[in-house]
Amino acid sequence: MPSFTSNTYTINSKTIYYKAILTNHDDIIVADIGDFDDCYTAASGSLYGINGTFFYLGTPPQAAQNDGYSTGDVYRIAIYDTQSERDYGLINRQTASSYGNCGTYVKLINTLPSGRFVLSDSFTDFTNYQYIGESITRSNVRYAIGGINLYLNKTYQNDEAYYSETDVDAEDDNVTKSSVHRSAIVYLGGETNDTLLLTVFSGNNDLCQNVNGLNLFELRTMILDLWGPNLYYGIALDGGGSTQIVYRENNQRKTVRTADAYGNTRKVRTMVCTSW
């Protein structure tokens, strides 16, 4: 059974509100929720979880259009039960002009000889893909979701050392360095094989505006501080105006979503869900 936790966290003189679902890794689903719903209204209001991967909110860059992308298409991996959840969900697009390696969180159907069944790594797609010498094909993928690698297993002297290794190019510094709402998926492990579905907001109520938050280095610092220094696998998902969570507390279905100045929420296309 999933559990829910929330609290405040202060870093660099900023106080944010985090809300998180802890659930078993086998209970997660990566879902296409269509073009017209946010996480709370999707599937007639029956889902629990957080928003998923990046997508083109408006008209894609010309190079992406040339490759067939249009408004609403995801440009990072979104797979469930070996299949793409949306068009172009089988491959990571790193820049406006090209495909490339991006942080991707993966749960396997069958455990590898090494004993590994969960991982996060930066890669383009599952064509000829290997992780630490072991081949992984899409036919062995229970779910995979693309984002930005948090490199939780590494130590950095400062934020710039981390940013130099992230999966977005320099023109997208605002994605990594801006203080915005955030979403992430992190494998915690332990006896219950818990996975953390994490969101960070500037406010504590639904429909809060994206006026403050964390940059990616602060996000990884918070995760390592709160859930332990020995984590390995985790990525940041789409954030900012896309950040949303739906959870259960006191036997009630609740949500916190980012809203624009008019109180509107974003239709986020994919969702990382759990059974409740």
Foldseek 3Di string as FASTA:
>chain_A
DKDKDKDWDDDPNAIWIKIKIKDAPVFKAKAFQDAPDAQCPGPNRDFFFKFAAAFACAAAPPLVVVVPHGHPGGQEAWDAQLDGNGPNNQWHCLASHGGWWAWKWFAWQDADPVRDGIAIDTTTGLDQDDDPRHRDHSNGTRTMGTAKFLQLQDDDPDDVRVVVPIRHDPVVVCQAAPFWKWWKWFFLDDPRRIIMTMIIARDDAAQAATPGHGGSNVVSVVCCVPRHSRTGHMHIHDTHLSIKGWDADPNDIDIHHHHHPVSDGHRRRIGITGDD
